[in-house]
Amino acid sequence: MALSGVSPNRRGDLRIHENLDELKTDLADYIAELSEVTVPVIPSHMHSINDNLSSEEAANDYEFVIRQLVKTRVISASEVNDCPKFDLILLGVGPDGQVASLFPEHPILNEKDEWVTFITNSPKPPPERITFTLPVINSASNIAVVATGEAKAEVLRSILDDDVGPNCPSLPAKMVQPGSGKLVWFLDKDAASKLQG
């Protein structure tokens, strides 16, 4: 799709697969390739959301943890903003264009200050969710988006082929535009069935 400096109508790196096994292999190879040139996964660097708290408390707690990790330079900060610069963010995309827990036309798409936020009115279950905000997602060094199945074909055509600009709240996945990072899409044949070219 779009890399920094690439027109919105061009895909930076799009991989289409005949079957799910092939997709899993390519995705695993991609992640392994990244781990060779970036930081390997270290268990002490794994931080989970506290699910014993309310969604608001859990989002605040998780943001505090991430901010401390940036402050102590365990996680790098983006050169563009103060957001964490994760080595890799792996995302899925929903048939409505949702990514992470960022749903079409939802007010949290406009959040610029918080790194982690919550919703209590998700249009699909569960109603309460915690998510990174777009500034955090877009600050990552690498973003991989995985989509499978024919149910996502139409929305992927809109995201990847339409000339709609990146500021498109009706398609949150189109708003994933890394500032200086790389964006890679992994699609199976069914998900890619309505793409041009």
C-alpha atoms as a PDB file:
ATOM      1  CA  MET A   1       0.000   0.000   0.000  1.00  0.00           C
ATOM      2  CA  ALA A   2       1.521   3.353   0.887  1.00  0.00           C
ATOM      3  CA  LEU A   3       5.036   3.808   2.108  1.00  0.00           C
ATOM      4  CA  SER A   4       6.334   7.199   3.047  1.00  0.00           C
ATOM      5  CA  GLY A   5       6.705   9.053  -0.234  1.00  0.00           C
ATOM      6  CA  VAL A   6       4.595   6.601  -2.265  1.00  0.00           C
ATOM      7  CA  SER A   7       1.346   7.759  -3.822  1.00  0.00           C
ATOM      8  CA  PRO A   8      -1.819   6.453  -2.122  1.00  0.00           C
ATOM      9  CA  ASN A   9      -2.740   4.548  -5.286  1.00  0.00           C
ATOM     10  CA  ARG A  10       0.387   2.351  -5.140  1.00  0.00           C
ATOM     11  CA  ARG A  11       1.062  -0.549  -2.854  1.00  0.00           C
ATOM     12  CA  GLY A  12       4.421  -0.563  -1.104  1.00  0.00           C
ATOM     13  CA  ASP A  13       4.486  -4.293  -0.483  1.00  0.00           C
ATOM     14  CA  LEU A  14       1.445  -6.465  -1.087  1.00  0.00           C
ATOM     15  CA  ARG A  15       1.627 -10.238  -0.888  1.00  0.00           C
ATOM     16  CA  ILE A  16      -1.198 -12.418  -2.181  1.00  0.00           C
ATOM     17  CA  HIS A  17      -1.401 -16.100  -1.318  1.00  0.00           C
ATOM     18  CA  GLU A  18      -3.294 -19.057  -2.744  1.00  0.00           C
ATOM     19  CA  ASN A  19      -3.955 -20.633   0.641  1.00  0.00           C
ATOM     20  CA  LEU A  20      -3.719 -19.957   4.352  1.00  0.00           C
ATOM     21  CA  ASP A  21      -0.688 -22.223   4.879  1.00  0.00           C
ATOM     22  CA  GLU A  22       1.280 -20.230   2.319  1.00  0.00           C
ATOM     23  CA  LEU A  23       0.198 -16.990   4.008  1.00  0.00           C
ATOM     24  CA  LYS A  24       1.293 -18.258   7.427  1.00  0.00           C
ATOM     25  CA  THR A  25       4.683 -19.289   6.047  1.00  0.00           C
ATOM     26  CA  ASP A  26       5.294 -15.957   4.309  1.00  0.00           C
ATOM     27  CA  LEU A  27       4.222 -14.009   7.394  1.00  0.00           C
ATOM     28  CA  ALA A  28       6.476 -16.127   9.627  1.00  0.00           C
ATOM     29  CA  ASP A  29       9.376 -15.603   7.208  1.00  0.00           C
ATOM     30  CA  TYR A  30       8.722 -11.843   7.188  1.00  0.00           C
ATOM     31  CA  ILE A  31       8.764 -11.649  10.988  1.00  0.00           C
ATOM     32  CA  ALA A  32      11.898 -13.821  11.136  1.00  0.00           C
ATOM     33  CA  GLU A  33      13.561 -11.529   8.584  1.00  0.00           C
ATOM     34  CA  LEU A  34      12.712  -8.494  10.708  1.00  0.00           C
ATOM     35  CA  SER A  35      14.099 -10.136  13.840  1.00  0.00           C
ATOM     36  CA  GLU A  36      17.454 -10.571  12.080  1.00  0.00           C
ATOM     37  CA  VAL A  37      17.793  -6.840  11.514  1.00  0.00           C
ATOM     38  CA  THR A  38      16.034  -5.513  14.597  1.00  0.00           C
ATOM     39  CA  VAL A  39      15.882  -6.418  18.259  1.00  0.00           C
ATOM     40  CA  PRO A  40      15.008 -10.054  19.029  1.00  0.00           C
ATOM     41  CA  VAL A  41      11.976 -10.732  21.219  1.00  0.00           C
ATOM     42  CA  ILE A  42      13.008 -10.564  24.869  1.00  0.00           C
ATOM     43  CA  PRO A  43      10.488 -11.923  27.415  1.00  0.00           C
ATOM     44  CA  SER A  44      11.106  -9.016  29.810  1.00  0.00           C
ATOM     45  CA  HIS A  45       9.987  -6.707  27.000  1.00  0.00           C
ATOM     46  CA  MET A  46       6.554  -8.323  26.807  1.00  0.00           C
ATOM     47  CA  HIS A  47       3.922  -6.235  28.606  1.00  0.00           C
ATOM     48  CA  SER A  48       0.297  -7.276  28.883  1.00  0.00           C
ATOM     49  CA  ILE A  49      -2.778  -5.229  29.575  1.00  0.00           C
ATOM     50  CA  ASN A  50      -4.106  -5.713  33.118  1.00  0.00           C
ATOM     51  CA  ASP A  51      -7.500  -7.338  32.551  1.00  0.00           C
ATOM     52  CA  ASN A  52      -8.385  -7.082  36.262  1.00  0.00           C
ATOM     53  CA  LEU A  53      -9.079  -3.367  35.828  1.00  0.00           C
ATOM     54  CA  SER A  54     -11.918  -1.503  34.159  1.00  0.00           C
ATOM     55  CA  SER A  55     -11.262  -0.666  30.515  1.00  0.00           C
ATOM     56  CA  GLU A  56     -10.500   2.968  31.375  1.00  0.00           C
ATOM     57  CA  GLU A  57      -8.161   2.013  34.233  1.00  0.00           C
ATOM     58  CA  ALA A  58      -6.470  -0.665  32.131  1.00  0.00           C
ATOM     59  CA  ALA A  59      -5.853   1.778  29.264  1.00  0.00           C
ATOM     60  CA  ASN A  60      -4.395   4.352  31.665  1.00  0.00           C
ATOM     61  CA  ASP A  61      -2.256   1.711  33.382  1.00  0.00           C
ATOM     62  CA  TYR A  62      -0.944   0.325  30.093  1.00  0.00           C
ATOM     63  CA  GLU A  63      -0.146   3.791  28.777  1.00  0.00           C
ATOM     64  CA  PHE A  64       1.752   4.517  32.008  1.00  0.00           C
ATOM     65  CA  VAL A  65       3.800   1.322  31.535  1.00  0.00           C
ATOM     66  CA  ILE A  66       4.582   2.173  27.897  1.00  0.00           C
ATOM     67  CA  ARG A  67       5.508   5.778  28.803  1.00  0.00           C
ATOM     68  CA  GLN A  68       7.913   4.490  31.469  1.00  0.00           C
ATOM     69  CA  LEU A  69       9.506   2.162  28.930  1.00  0.00           C
ATOM     70  CA  VAL A  70      10.002   5.079  26.531  1.00  0.00           C
ATOM     71  CA  LYS A  71      11.292   7.314  29.339  1.00  0.00           C
ATOM     72  CA  THR A  72      13.889   4.691  30.327  1.00  0.00           C
ATOM     73  CA  ARG A  73      14.718   4.072  26.636  1.00  0.00           C
ATOM     74  CA  VAL A  74      13.647   0.429  26.687  1.00  0.00           C
ATOM     75  CA  ILE A  75      11.381   1.422  23.783  1.00  0.00           C
ATOM     76  CA  SER A  76      12.634   4.060  21.360  1.00  0.00           C
ATOM     77  CA  ALA A  77      10.693   7.255  20.821  1.00  0.00           C
ATOM     78  CA  SER A  78       9.615   8.402  17.383  1.00  0.00           C
ATOM     79  CA  GLU A  79      11.721  11.149  15.827  1.00  0.00           C
ATOM     80  CA  VAL A  80       8.506  12.835  14.656  1.00  0.00           C
ATOM     81  CA  ASN A  81       6.517  12.855  17.903  1.00  0.00           C
ATOM     82  CA  ASP A  82       6.862  11.556  21.440  1.00  0.00           C
ATOM     83  CA  CYS A  83       5.126   8.255  20.648  1.00  0.00           C
ATOM     84  CA  PRO A  84       6.810   4.901  21.174  1.00  0.00           C
ATOM     85  CA  LYS A  85       8.504   3.530  18.072  1.00  0.00           C
ATOM     86  CA  PHE A  86       7.784  -0.190  18.153  1.00  0.00           C
ATOM     87  CA  ASP A  87       9.888  -2.421  15.914  1.00  0.00           C
ATOM     88  CA  LEU A  88       6.777  -4.185  14.583  1.00  0.00           C
ATOM     89  CA  ILE A  89       3.032  -3.793  14.958  1.00  0.00           C
ATOM     90  CA  LEU A  90       1.026  -6.705  13.582  1.00  0.00           C
ATOM     91  CA  LEU A  91      -2.593  -5.875  12.734  1.00  0.00           C
ATOM     92  CA  GLY A  92      -5.644  -7.494  11.245  1.00  0.00           C
ATOM     93  CA  VAL A  93      -8.327  -5.657   9.317  1.00  0.00           C
ATOM     94  CA  GLY A  94     -12.063  -6.185   9.690  1.00  0.00           C
ATOM     95  CA  PRO A  95     -14.651  -6.349   6.893  1.00  0.00           C
ATOM     96  CA  ASP A  96     -15.667  -2.793   7.846  1.00  0.00           C
ATOM     97  CA  GLY A  97     -12.111  -1.426   7.538  1.00  0.00           C
ATOM     98  CA  GLN A  98     -11.523  -1.583  11.271  1.00  0.00           C
ATOM     99  CA  VAL A  99      -7.945  -1.986  12.463  1.00  0.00           C
ATOM    100  CA  ALA A 100      -6.850  -2.618  16.069  1.00  0.00           C
ATOM    101  CA  SER A 101     -10.010  -1.504  17.907  1.00  0.00           C
ATOM    102  CA  LEU A 102     -10.328   1.595  15.765  1.00  0.00           C
ATOM    103  CA  PHE A 103     -13.742   1.432  14.144  1.00  0.00           C
ATOM    104  CA  PRO A 104     -15.153   3.482  11.245  1.00  0.00           C
ATOM    105  CA  GLU A 105     -16.251   6.996  12.198  1.00  0.00           C
ATOM    106  CA  HIS A 106     -15.405   6.428  15.895  1.00  0.00           C
ATOM    107  CA  PRO A 107     -14.248   9.559  17.792  1.00  0.00           C
ATOM    108  CA  ILE A 108     -11.038   7.855  18.987  1.00  0.00           C
ATOM    109  CA  LEU A 109      -9.742   8.020  15.413  1.00  0.00           C
ATOM    110  CA  ASN A 110      -9.077  11.702  16.179  1.00  0.00           C
ATOM    111  CA  GLU A 111      -7.146  11.043  19.399  1.00  0.00           C
ATOM    112  CA  LYS A 112      -3.725  12.692  19.164  1.00  0.00           C
ATOM    113  CA  ASP A 113      -2.491  12.933  22.771  1.00  0.00           C
ATOM    114  CA  GLU A 114      -3.120   9.530  24.312  1.00  0.00           C
ATOM    115  CA  TRP A 115      -1.098   6.492  23.302  1.00  0.00           C
ATOM    116  CA  VAL A 116      -3.556   3.934  24.625  1.00  0.00           C
ATOM    117  CA  THR A 117      -7.276   4.472  24.840  1.00  0.00           C
ATOM    118  CA  PHE A 118     -10.453   2.527  25.448  1.00  0.00           C
ATOM    119  CA  ILE A 119     -13.953   2.241  24.090  1.00  0.00           C
ATOM    120  CA  THR A 120     -17.086   1.023  25.825  1.00  0.00           C
ATOM    121  CA  ASN A 121     -19.351   1.079  22.778  1.00  0.00           C
ATOM    122  CA  SER A 122     -17.686  -1.203  20.253  1.00  0.00           C
ATOM    123  CA  PRO A 123     -19.979  -1.917  17.290  1.00  0.00           C
ATOM    124  CA  LYS A 124     -19.066  -5.594  17.623  1.00  0.00           C
ATOM    125  CA  PRO A 125     -18.433  -7.755  20.694  1.00  0.00           C
ATOM    126  CA  PRO A 126     -16.903  -7.308  23.144  1.00  0.00           C
ATOM    127  CA  PRO A 127     -18.220  -3.783  23.761  1.00  0.00           C
ATOM    128  CA  GLU A 128     -15.257  -2.744  25.939  1.00  0.00           C
ATOM    129  CA  ARG A 129     -11.847  -2.653  24.271  1.00  0.00           C
ATOM    130  CA  ILE A 130      -8.399  -1.174  24.727  1.00  0.00           C
ATOM    131  CA  THR A 131      -6.323  -0.051  21.759  1.00  0.00           C
ATOM    132  CA  PHE A 132      -3.274   1.856  20.648  1.00  0.00           C
ATOM    133  CA  THR A 133      -4.141   5.131  18.947  1.00  0.00           C
ATOM    134  CA  LEU A 134      -3.252   5.941  15.341  1.00  0.00           C
ATOM    135  CA  PRO A 135      -0.258   8.134  16.273  1.00  0.00           C
ATOM    136  CA  VAL A 136       1.319   5.157  18.074  1.00  0.00           C
ATOM    137  CA  ILE A 137       0.531   2.710  15.278  1.00  0.00           C
ATOM    138  CA  ASN A 138       1.860   5.104  12.638  1.00  0.00           C
ATOM    139  CA  SER A 139       5.105   5.623  14.589  1.00  0.00           C
ATOM    140  CA  ALA A 140       6.149   1.959  14.282  1.00  0.00           C
ATOM    141  CA  SER A 141       9.218   0.974  12.274  1.00  0.00           C
ATOM    142  CA  ASN A 142       7.263  -1.826  10.594  1.00  0.00           C
ATOM    143  CA  ILE A 143       3.537  -2.469  10.312  1.00  0.00           C
ATOM    144  CA  ALA A 144       2.213  -5.745   8.948  1.00  0.00           C
ATOM    145  CA  VAL A 145      -1.507  -6.033   8.184  1.00  0.00           C
ATOM    146  CA  VAL A 146      -2.985  -9.497   7.629  1.00  0.00           C
ATOM    147  CA  ALA A 147      -6.347 -10.092   5.942  1.00  0.00           C
ATOM    148  CA  THR A 148      -7.918 -13.366   4.888  1.00  0.00           C
ATOM    149  CA  GLY A 149     -11.223 -14.375   3.362  1.00  0.00           C
ATOM    150  CA  GLU A 150     -13.651 -13.175   0.736  1.00  0.00           C
ATOM    151  CA  ALA A 151     -15.627 -11.183   3.340  1.00  0.00           C
ATOM    152  CA  LYS A 152     -12.797  -8.632   3.352  1.00  0.00           C
ATOM    153  CA  ALA A 153     -12.344  -8.364  -0.429  1.00  0.00           C
ATOM    154  CA  GLU A 154     -14.571  -5.324  -0.967  1.00  0.00           C
ATOM    155  CA  VAL A 155     -13.145  -3.277   1.896  1.00  0.00           C
ATOM    156  CA  LEU A 156      -9.599  -4.135   0.796  1.00  0.00           C
ATOM    157  CA  ARG A 157     -10.426  -2.871  -2.692  1.00  0.00           C
ATOM    158  CA  SER A 158     -11.559   0.408  -1.106  1.00  0.00           C
ATOM    159  CA  ILE A 159      -8.462   0.626   1.085  1.00  0.00           C
ATOM    160  CA  LEU A 160      -5.849  -0.360  -1.484  1.00  0.00           C
ATOM    161  CA  ASP A 161      -7.275   0.614  -4.893  1.00  0.00           C
ATOM    162  CA  ASP A 162      -9.516   3.637  -4.366  1.00  0.00           C
ATOM    163  CA  ASP A 163      -8.086   7.140  -4.703  1.00  0.00           C
ATOM    164  CA  VAL A 164      -9.482   8.158  -1.310  1.00  0.00           C
ATOM    165  CA  GLY A 165      -6.800   9.929   0.731  1.00  0.00           C
ATOM    166  CA  PRO A 166      -5.419   8.591   4.005  1.00  0.00           C
ATOM    167  CA  ASN A 167      -7.588  10.854   6.184  1.00  0.00           C
ATOM    168  CA  CYS A 168     -10.617   8.611   5.788  1.00  0.00           C
ATOM    169  CA  PRO A 169     -12.477   7.938   9.064  1.00  0.00           C
ATOM    170  CA  SER A 170     -14.845   5.569   7.259  1.00  0.00           C
ATOM    171  CA  LEU A 171     -11.818   3.289   6.584  1.00  0.00           C
ATOM    172  CA  PRO A 172      -9.526   3.280   9.647  1.00  0.00           C
ATOM    173  CA  ALA A 173      -7.134   0.797   7.993  1.00  0.00           C
ATOM    174  CA  LYS A 174      -6.475   3.410   5.284  1.00  0.00           C
ATOM    175  CA  MET A 175      -5.393   5.775   8.073  1.00  0.00           C
ATOM    176  CA  VAL A 176      -2.520   3.431   8.903  1.00  0.00           C
ATOM    177  CA  GLN A 177       0.241   5.432   7.229  1.00  0.00           C
ATOM    178  CA  PRO A 178       3.617   5.026   8.941  1.00  0.00           C
ATOM    179  CA  GLY A 179       5.546   8.280   8.997  1.00  0.00           C
ATOM    180  CA  SER A 180       8.972   6.785   8.386  1.00  0.00           C
ATOM    181  CA  GLY A 181       8.254   3.085   8.739  1.00  0.00           C
ATOM    182  CA  LYS A 182       7.313   0.322   6.354  1.00  0.00           C
ATOM    183  CA  LEU A 183       3.790  -0.988   5.763  1.00  0.00           C
ATOM    184  CA  VAL A 184       3.310  -4.518   4.412  1.00  0.00           C
ATOM    185  CA  TRP A 185      -0.021  -6.176   3.576  1.00  0.00           C
ATOM    186  CA  PHE A 186      -0.415  -9.977   3.688  1.00  0.00           C
ATOM    187  CA  LEU A 187      -3.558 -11.168   1.864  1.00  0.00           C
ATOM    188  CA  ASP A 188      -4.833 -14.555   0.831  1.00  0.00           C
ATOM    189  CA  LYS A 189      -6.281 -15.023  -2.667  1.00  0.00           C
ATOM    190  CA  ASP A 190      -9.897 -14.584  -1.500  1.00  0.00           C
ATOM    191  CA  ALA A 191      -9.181 -11.336   0.351  1.00  0.00           C
ATOM    192  CA  ALA A 192      -7.342  -9.984  -2.706  1.00  0.00           C
ATOM    193  CA  SER A 193      -9.974 -11.133  -5.224  1.00  0.00           C
ATOM    194  CA  LYS A 194     -11.353  -7.634  -5.966  1.00  0.00           C
ATOM    195  CA  LEU A 195      -8.040  -5.804  -6.256  1.00  0.00           C
ATOM    196  CA  GLN A 196      -7.016  -4.396  -9.607  1.00  0.00           C
ATOM    197  CA  GLY A 197      -3.770  -5.548 -11.186  1.00  0.00           C
END
